[in-house]
């Protein structure tokens, strides 16, 4: 039976720190959940001894895994059999995609363990899971992989009344100093963007600003909500050119997919919308 850690409000931590520490020290899990107001993410306080023990377990497991992968020829095949039971969404990956994921997972695990930082591992798993979510929807895959004529430039959300986009229209971006031009690549992107603006305008504005200023952040800036896709979805086609394909999570079930065109300094929005992708559970 799983034991839940005790919980307190952030005000209790501020006003009664001694009592909070007492609850932490008496907690069977040696942890304490601290609730914050509004939409701020809750905090988890953990004792130093528990952190040290978890690091030791992770280090041991990673080293054993690395040795098996290096010395046992059957290890990767066994991983391909076992992994779907641990991460059911990998069933939507092709055989080649699953092999690639296993190799990348091994490499990142080994590197992350040497730095005592597991964040890159979580980032990699998240990116592959989002790739699998797209692959679970063949209609969406077809949209992301098609080549097409570009449509309109995308204005800052909320800067105009109604979209009213038609092919060939140019809408000057209102942001001063913004670096990247953002354009619709497909009709599906136009319709999906409208849905996002109607239902999540503030989130969409934040995503728009990200695409304008930092659409292709480097590996040193991991982000679970904004990242490149993998495997067959790692690139899309624009003017017969293969371009890196990225995804931004706007809401829990709202996404934007786009191609990053460094040559033309343009972001091509391939698709967007609420309710995509289909569930992979």
Foldseek 3Di string as FASTA:
>chain_A
DDDDQEEDEVVCCVPPVVVVVVSLVPTPQSKYWYDYDDPDDIDIDHDPVNVVVVLVVLLVVLVVLLCCVVPPPCSLVVCLVCVCVVVVLCVLPDPVRSSVLVVVLNVLSVVCSVVVHCVLNVLSVLQASVLSQQSVDVVSVVLQADEAAWAEWDEQQPPDDDDPGDGPDYDDHPDPPFQAIETEGDPQAVVALRQCSVPPVVLVNVVVSCCRHPQADDPVDRDSFKDWHDDPSQWHDYPNDTFGKMKGHSDPFKIWIWGQDPVVRYTYTRHIHGRDDDDSD
